[in-house]
PDB file of all heavy atoms in Angstrom:
ATOM      1  N   ARG A   1       0.805  -1.237   0.000  1.00  0.00           N
ATOM      2  CA  ARG A   1       0.000   0.000   0.000  1.00  0.00           C
ATOM      3  C   ARG A   1       0.829   1.273   0.000  1.00  0.00           C
ATOM      4  O   ARG A   1       0.281   2.361  -0.158  1.00  0.00           O
ATOM      5  CB  ARG A   1      -0.945   0.019   1.202  1.00  0.00           C
ATOM      6  CG  ARG A   1      -2.142  -0.870   1.035  1.00  0.00           C
ATOM      7  CD  ARG A   1      -3.208  -0.552   2.058  1.00  0.00           C
ATOM      8  NE  ARG A   1      -2.688  -0.555   3.408  1.00  0.00           N
ATOM      9  CZ  ARG A   1      -2.943  -1.475   4.309  1.00  0.00           C
ATOM     10  NH1 ARG A   1      -3.715  -2.495   4.024  1.00  0.00           N
ATOM     11  NH2 ARG A   1      -2.439  -1.390   5.531  1.00  0.00           N
ATOM     12  N   GLU A   2       2.130   1.186   0.180  1.00  0.00           N
ATOM     13  CA  GLU A   2       2.979   2.385   0.207  1.00  0.00           C
ATOM     14  C   GLU A   2       2.824   3.134  -1.115  1.00  0.00           C
ATOM     15  O   GLU A   2       2.990   2.556  -2.179  1.00  0.00           O
ATOM     16  CB  GLU A   2       4.436   2.010   0.444  1.00  0.00           C
ATOM     17  CG  GLU A   2       5.364   3.189   0.498  1.00  0.00           C
ATOM     18  CD  GLU A   2       4.998   4.194   1.569  1.00  0.00           C
ATOM     19  OE1 GLU A   2       4.814   3.800   2.728  1.00  0.00           O
ATOM     20  OE2 GLU A   2       4.891   5.383   1.223  1.00  0.00           O
ATOM     21  N   LYS A   3       2.499   4.389  -1.040  1.00  0.00           N
ATOM     22  CA  LYS A   3       2.220   5.185  -2.238  1.00  0.00           C
ATOM     23  C   LYS A   3       3.408   6.025  -2.703  1.00  0.00           C
ATOM     24  O   LYS A   3       3.337   6.678  -3.722  1.00  0.00           O
ATOM     25  CB  LYS A   3       1.038   6.127  -1.986  1.00  0.00           C
ATOM     26  CG  LYS A   3      -0.209   5.444  -1.497  1.00  0.00           C
ATOM     27  CD  LYS A   3      -0.781   4.484  -2.515  1.00  0.00           C
ATOM     28  CE  LYS A   3      -2.125   3.976  -2.028  1.00  0.00           C
ATOM     29  NZ  LYS A   3      -2.512   2.696  -2.523  1.00  0.00           N
ATOM     30  N   GLN A   4       4.509   6.017  -1.952  1.00  0.00           N
ATOM     31  CA  GLN A   4       5.631   6.875  -2.302  1.00  0.00           C
ATOM     32  C   GLN A   4       6.689   6.173  -3.141  1.00  0.00           C
ATOM     33  O   GLN A   4       7.585   6.826  -3.663  1.00  0.00           O
ATOM     34  CB  GLN A   4       6.263   7.440  -1.032  1.00  0.00           C
ATOM     35  CG  GLN A   4       5.306   8.314  -0.262  1.00  0.00           C
ATOM     36  CD  GLN A   4       5.905   8.797   1.039  1.00  0.00           C
ATOM     37  OE1 GLN A   4       6.987   8.411   1.434  1.00  0.00           O
ATOM     38  NE2 GLN A   4       5.180   9.657   1.723  1.00  0.00           N
ATOM     39  N   PHE A   5       6.621   4.859  -3.248  1.00  0.00           N
ATOM     40  CA  PHE A   5       7.609   4.136  -4.035  1.00  0.00           C
ATOM     41  C   PHE A   5       7.012   2.820  -4.518  1.00  0.00           C
ATOM     42  O   PHE A   5       5.967   2.379  -4.039  1.00  0.00           O
ATOM     43  CB  PHE A   5       8.895   3.879  -3.235  1.00  0.00           C
ATOM     44  CG  PHE A   5       8.653   3.258  -1.885  1.00  0.00           C
ATOM     45  CD1 PHE A   5       8.495   1.894  -1.742  1.00  0.00           C
ATOM     46  CD2 PHE A   5       8.584   4.059  -0.757  1.00  0.00           C
ATOM     47  CE1 PHE A   5       8.263   1.332  -0.499  1.00  0.00           C
ATOM     48  CE2 PHE A   5       8.367   3.513   0.491  1.00  0.00           C
ATOM     49  CZ  PHE A   5       8.201   2.127   0.618  1.00  0.00           C
ATOM     50  N   VAL A   6       7.667   2.221  -5.478  1.00  0.00           N
ATOM     51  CA  VAL A   6       7.231   0.947  -6.036  1.00  0.00           C
ATOM     52  C   VAL A   6       7.394  -0.140  -4.980  1.00  0.00           C
ATOM     53  O   VAL A   6       8.432  -0.240  -4.336  1.00  0.00           O
ATOM     54  CB  VAL A   6       8.058   0.607  -7.294  1.00  0.00           C
ATOM     55  CG1 VAL A   6       7.713  -0.758  -7.828  1.00  0.00           C
ATOM     56  CG2 VAL A   6       7.859   1.673  -8.364  1.00  0.00           C
ATOM     57  N   SER A   7       6.355  -0.945  -4.789  1.00  0.00           N
ATOM     58  CA  SER A   7       6.446  -2.050  -3.837  1.00  0.00           C
ATOM     59  C   SER A   7       5.584  -3.217  -4.310  1.00  0.00           C
ATOM     60  O   SER A   7       4.504  -3.014  -4.874  1.00  0.00           O
ATOM     61  CB  SER A   7       6.009  -1.594  -2.446  1.00  0.00           C
ATOM     62  OG  SER A   7       4.669  -1.159  -2.461  1.00  0.00           O
ATOM     63  N   VAL A   8       6.098  -4.423  -4.097  1.00  0.00           N
ATOM     64  CA  VAL A   8       5.382  -5.638  -4.459  1.00  0.00           C
ATOM     65  C   VAL A   8       5.599  -6.685  -3.369  1.00  0.00           C
ATOM     66  O   VAL A   8       6.518  -6.576  -2.561  1.00  0.00           O
ATOM     67  CB  VAL A   8       5.842  -6.215  -5.827  1.00  0.00           C
ATOM     68  CG1 VAL A   8       5.576  -5.243  -6.957  1.00  0.00           C
ATOM     69  CG2 VAL A   8       7.291  -6.619  -5.796  1.00  0.00           C
ATOM     70  N   LEU A   9       4.744  -7.695  -3.365  1.00  0.00           N
ATOM     71  CA  LEU A   9       4.872  -8.835  -2.472  1.00  0.00           C
ATOM     72  C   LEU A   9       4.911 -10.078  -3.342  1.00  0.00           C
ATOM     73  O   LEU A   9       3.992 -10.326  -4.129  1.00  0.00           O
ATOM     74  CB  LEU A   9       3.686  -8.903  -1.509  1.00  0.00           C
ATOM     75  CG  LEU A   9       3.612 -10.120  -0.601  1.00  0.00           C
ATOM     76  CD1 LEU A   9       4.776 -10.124   0.386  1.00  0.00           C
ATOM     77  CD2 LEU A   9       2.287 -10.147   0.136  1.00  0.00           C
ATOM     78  N   VAL A  10       5.986 -10.854  -3.236  1.00  0.00           N
ATOM     79  CA  VAL A  10       6.173 -12.047  -4.060  1.00  0.00           C
ATOM     80  C   VAL A  10       5.821 -13.282  -3.244  1.00  0.00           C
ATOM     81  O   VAL A  10       6.324 -13.471  -2.145  1.00  0.00           O
ATOM     82  CB  VAL A  10       7.630 -12.156  -4.562  1.00  0.00           C
ATOM     83  CG1 VAL A  10       7.821 -13.405  -5.406  1.00  0.00           C
ATOM     84  CG2 VAL A  10       8.036 -10.908  -5.330  1.00  0.00           C
ATOM     85  N   GLU A  11       4.959 -14.112  -3.795  1.00  0.00           N
ATOM     86  CA  GLU A  11       4.630 -15.389  -3.168  1.00  0.00           C
ATOM     87  C   GLU A  11       5.247 -16.482  -4.039  1.00  0.00           C
ATOM     88  O   GLU A  11       4.857 -16.653  -5.191  1.00  0.00           O
ATOM     89  CB  GLU A  11       3.113 -15.545  -3.092  1.00  0.00           C
ATOM     90  CG  GLU A  11       2.670 -16.735  -2.302  1.00  0.00           C
ATOM     91  CD  GLU A  11       1.200 -16.661  -1.976  1.00  0.00           C
ATOM     92  OE1 GLU A  11       0.409 -17.036  -2.851  1.00  0.00           O
ATOM     93  OE2 GLU A  11       0.855 -16.223  -0.873  1.00  0.00           O
ATOM     94  N   VAL A  12       6.221 -17.193  -3.485  1.00  0.00           N
ATOM     95  CA  VAL A  12       6.972 -18.171  -4.296  1.00  0.00           C
ATOM     96  C   VAL A  12       6.399 -19.576  -4.229  1.00  0.00           C
ATOM     97  O   VAL A  12       6.766 -20.428  -5.040  1.00  0.00           O
ATOM     98  CB  VAL A  12       8.468 -18.203  -3.916  1.00  0.00           C
ATOM     99  CG1 VAL A  12       9.131 -16.868  -4.187  1.00  0.00           C
ATOM    100  CG2 VAL A  12       8.659 -18.632  -2.484  1.00  0.00           C
ATOM    101  N   GLY A  13       5.534 -19.852  -3.282  1.00  0.00           N
ATOM    102  CA  GLY A  13       4.953 -21.179  -3.188  1.00  0.00           C
ATOM    103  C   GLY A  13       4.084 -21.313  -1.962  1.00  0.00           C
ATOM    104  O   GLY A  13       4.002 -20.399  -1.141  1.00  0.00           O
ATOM    105  N   PHE A  14       3.453 -22.455  -1.850  1.00  0.00           N
ATOM    106  CA  PHE A  14       2.557 -22.723  -0.739  1.00  0.00           C
ATOM    107  C   PHE A  14       3.124 -23.863   0.096  1.00  0.00           C
ATOM    108  O   PHE A  14       3.289 -24.976  -0.407  1.00  0.00           O
ATOM    109  CB  PHE A  14       1.162 -23.097  -1.248  1.00  0.00           C
ATOM    110  CG  PHE A  14       0.507 -22.000  -2.042  1.00  0.00           C
ATOM    111  CD1 PHE A  14       0.507 -22.022  -3.428  1.00  0.00           C
ATOM    112  CD2 PHE A  14      -0.105 -20.930  -1.396  1.00  0.00           C
ATOM    113  CE1 PHE A  14      -0.098 -21.013  -4.150  1.00  0.00           C
ATOM    114  CE2 PHE A  14      -0.703 -19.917  -2.112  1.00  0.00           C
ATOM    115  CZ  PHE A  14      -0.701 -19.953  -3.494  1.00  0.00           C
ATOM    116  N   VAL A  15       3.413 -23.603   1.359  1.00  0.00           N
ATOM    117  CA  VAL A  15       3.989 -24.640   2.216  1.00  0.00           C
ATOM    118  C   VAL A  15       2.970 -25.717   2.567  1.00  0.00           C
ATOM    119  O   VAL A  15       3.350 -26.800   3.013  1.00  0.00           O
ATOM    120  CB  VAL A  15       4.625 -24.060   3.506  1.00  0.00           C
ATOM    121  CG1 VAL A  15       5.802 -23.167   3.159  1.00  0.00           C
ATOM    122  CG2 VAL A  15       3.604 -23.322   4.344  1.00  0.00           C
ATOM    123  N   ASN A  16       1.683 -25.460   2.355  1.00  0.00           N
ATOM    124  CA  ASN A  16       0.688 -26.495   2.603  1.00  0.00           C
ATOM    125  C   ASN A  16       0.484 -27.412   1.394  1.00  0.00           C
ATOM    126  O   ASN A  16      -0.319 -28.336   1.445  1.00  0.00           O
ATOM    127  CB  ASN A  16      -0.646 -25.884   3.059  1.00  0.00           C
ATOM    128  CG  ASN A  16      -1.281 -25.006   2.001  1.00  0.00           C
ATOM    129  OD1 ASN A  16      -0.626 -24.576   1.059  1.00  0.00           O
ATOM    130  ND2 ASN A  16      -2.553 -24.725   2.170  1.00  0.00           N
ATOM    131  N   ASN A  17       1.214 -27.160   0.313  1.00  0.00           N
ATOM    132  CA  ASN A  17       1.205 -28.031  -0.860  1.00  0.00           C
ATOM    133  C   ASN A  17       2.443 -28.915  -0.770  1.00  0.00           C
ATOM    134  O   ASN A  17       3.571 -28.412  -0.870  1.00  0.00           O
ATOM    135  CB  ASN A  17       1.224 -27.171  -2.132  1.00  0.00           C
ATOM    136  CG  ASN A  17       1.283 -27.991  -3.398  1.00  0.00           C
ATOM    137  OD1 ASN A  17       2.016 -28.965  -3.505  1.00  0.00           O
ATOM    138  ND2 ASN A  17       0.517 -27.572  -4.389  1.00  0.00           N
ATOM    139  N   PRO A  18       2.291 -30.228  -0.559  1.00  0.00           N
ATOM    140  CA  PRO A  18       3.456 -31.107  -0.354  1.00  0.00           C
ATOM    141  C   PRO A  18       4.497 -31.035  -1.476  1.00  0.00           C
ATOM    142  O   PRO A  18       5.696 -31.052  -1.211  1.00  0.00           O
ATOM    143  CB  PRO A  18       2.845 -32.505  -0.264  1.00  0.00           C
ATOM    144  CG  PRO A  18       1.424 -32.286   0.136  1.00  0.00           C
ATOM    145  CD  PRO A  18       1.030 -30.961  -0.466  1.00  0.00           C
ATOM    146  N   GLU A  19       4.044 -30.927  -2.724  1.00  0.00           N
ATOM    147  CA  GLU A  19       4.974 -30.847  -3.853  1.00  0.00           C
ATOM    148  C   GLU A  19       5.793 -29.555  -3.797  1.00  0.00           C
ATOM    149  O   GLU A  19       7.010 -29.570  -3.974  1.00  0.00           O
ATOM    150  CB  GLU A  19       4.202 -30.935  -5.167  1.00  0.00           C
ATOM    151  CG  GLU A  19       5.078 -30.979  -6.399  1.00  0.00           C
ATOM    152  CD  GLU A  19       4.264 -31.077  -7.681  1.00  0.00           C
ATOM    153  OE1 GLU A  19       3.035 -30.865  -7.661  1.00  0.00           O
ATOM    154  OE2 GLU A  19       4.883 -31.351  -8.719  1.00  0.00           O
ATOM    155  N   GLU A  20       5.124 -28.451  -3.528  1.00  0.00           N
ATOM    156  CA  GLU A  20       5.830 -27.174  -3.448  1.00  0.00           C
ATOM    157  C   GLU A  20       6.716 -27.103  -2.213  1.00  0.00           C
ATOM    158  O   GLU A  20       7.807 -26.542  -2.262  1.00  0.00           O
ATOM    159  CB  GLU A  20       4.845 -26.007  -3.482  1.00  0.00           C
ATOM    160  CG  GLU A  20       4.189 -25.847  -4.839  1.00  0.00           C
ATOM    161  CD  GLU A  20       3.297 -24.636  -4.945  1.00  0.00           C
ATOM    162  OE1 GLU A  20       3.307 -23.781  -4.036  1.00  0.00           O
ATOM    163  OE2 GLU A  20       2.570 -24.546  -5.947  1.00  0.00           O
ATOM    164  N   LEU A  21       6.268 -27.661  -1.099  1.00  0.00           N
ATOM    165  CA  LEU A  21       7.083 -27.671   0.110  1.00  0.00           C
ATOM    166  C   LEU A  21       8.386 -28.419  -0.132  1.00  0.00           C
ATOM    167  O   LEU A  21       9.462 -27.963   0.278  1.00  0.00           O
ATOM    168  CB  LEU A  21       6.312 -28.293   1.277  1.00  0.00           C
ATOM    169  CG  LEU A  21       7.055 -28.353   2.601  1.00  0.00           C
ATOM    170  CD1 LEU A  21       7.440 -26.953   3.072  1.00  0.00           C
ATOM    171  CD2 LEU A  21       6.200 -29.057   3.646  1.00  0.00           C
ATOM    172  N   LYS A  22       8.312 -29.528  -0.832  1.00  0.00           N
ATOM    173  CA  LYS A  22       9.518 -30.302  -1.155  1.00  0.00           C
ATOM    174  C   LYS A  22      10.481 -29.461  -1.999  1.00  0.00           C
ATOM    175  O   LYS A  22      11.682 -29.442  -1.753  1.00  0.00           O
ATOM    176  CB  LYS A  22       9.140 -31.581  -1.896  1.00  0.00           C
ATOM    177  CG  LYS A  22      10.305 -32.472  -2.206  1.00  0.00           C
ATOM    178  CD  LYS A  22       9.856 -33.738  -2.918  1.00  0.00           C
ATOM    179  CE  LYS A  22      11.060 -34.594  -3.276  1.00  0.00           C
ATOM    180  NZ  LYS A  22      10.671 -35.803  -4.000  1.00  0.00           N
ATOM    181  N   LEU A  23       9.942 -28.734  -2.961  1.00  0.00           N
ATOM    182  CA  LEU A  23      10.790 -27.877  -3.802  1.00  0.00           C
ATOM    183  C   LEU A  23      11.399 -26.736  -2.993  1.00  0.00           C
ATOM    184  O   LEU A  23      12.551 -26.361  -3.211  1.00  0.00           O
ATOM    185  CB  LEU A  23       9.986 -27.320  -4.974  1.00  0.00           C
ATOM    186  CG  LEU A  23       9.539 -28.352  -6.012  1.00  0.00           C
ATOM    187  CD1 LEU A  23       8.539 -27.736  -6.973  1.00  0.00           C
ATOM    188  CD2 LEU A  23      10.728 -28.923  -6.761  1.00  0.00           C
ATOM    189  N   LEU A  24      10.637 -26.190  -2.047  1.00  0.00           N
ATOM    190  CA  LEU A  24      11.138 -25.087  -1.226  1.00  0.00           C
ATOM    191  C   LEU A  24      12.235 -25.536  -0.257  1.00  0.00           C
ATOM    192  O   LEU A  24      13.062 -24.734   0.159  1.00  0.00           O
ATOM    193  CB  LEU A  24       9.990 -24.435  -0.447  1.00  0.00           C
ATOM    194  CG  LEU A  24       8.986 -23.651  -1.286  1.00  0.00           C
ATOM    195  CD1 LEU A  24       7.756 -23.311  -0.461  1.00  0.00           C
ATOM    196  CD2 LEU A  24       9.611 -22.405  -1.869  1.00  0.00           C
ATOM    197  N   HIS A  25      12.261 -26.812   0.083  1.00  0.00           N
ATOM    198  CA  HIS A  25      13.307 -27.342   0.969  1.00  0.00           C
ATOM    199  C   HIS A  25      14.657 -27.434   0.263  1.00  0.00           C
ATOM    200  O   HIS A  25      15.690 -27.477   0.911  1.00  0.00           O
ATOM    201  CB  HIS A  25      12.921 -28.723   1.507  1.00  0.00           C
ATOM    202  CG  HIS A  25      12.067 -28.673   2.721  1.00  0.00           C
ATOM    203  ND1 HIS A  25      12.516 -28.235   3.940  1.00  0.00           N
ATOM    204  CD2 HIS A  25      10.761 -28.995   2.899  1.00  0.00           C
ATOM    205  CE1 HIS A  25      11.547 -28.298   4.818  1.00  0.00           C
ATOM    206  NE2 HIS A  25      10.457 -28.744   4.214  1.00  0.00           N
ATOM    207  N   ASN A  26      14.651 -27.453  -1.058  1.00  0.00           N
ATOM    208  CA  ASN A  26      15.872 -27.586  -1.832  1.00  0.00           C
ATOM    209  C   ASN A  26      16.535 -26.212  -1.991  1.00  0.00           C
ATOM    210  O   ASN A  26      15.953 -25.291  -2.556  1.00  0.00           O
ATOM    211  CB  ASN A  26      15.541 -28.185  -3.206  1.00  0.00           C
ATOM    212  CG  ASN A  26      16.744 -28.414  -4.063  1.00  0.00           C
ATOM    213  OD1 ASN A  26      17.589 -27.542  -4.219  1.00  0.00           O
ATOM    214  ND2 ASN A  26      16.817 -29.592  -4.657  1.00  0.00           N
ATOM    215  N   SER A  27      17.763 -26.079  -1.502  1.00  0.00           N
ATOM    216  CA  SER A  27      18.450 -24.782  -1.539  1.00  0.00           C
ATOM    217  C   SER A  27      18.699 -24.296  -2.964  1.00  0.00           C
ATOM    218  O   SER A  27      18.686 -23.090  -3.216  1.00  0.00           O
ATOM    219  CB  SER A  27      19.753 -24.834  -0.751  1.00  0.00           C
ATOM    220  OG  SER A  27      20.643 -25.770  -1.321  1.00  0.00           O
TER     221      SER A  27
END
């Protein structure tokens, strides 16, 4: 919501999805 500069929120995966959680565990 900051109006003075560009800002975004990145969601890279869902930890409640077993397949995505496994991928997120890999460095």
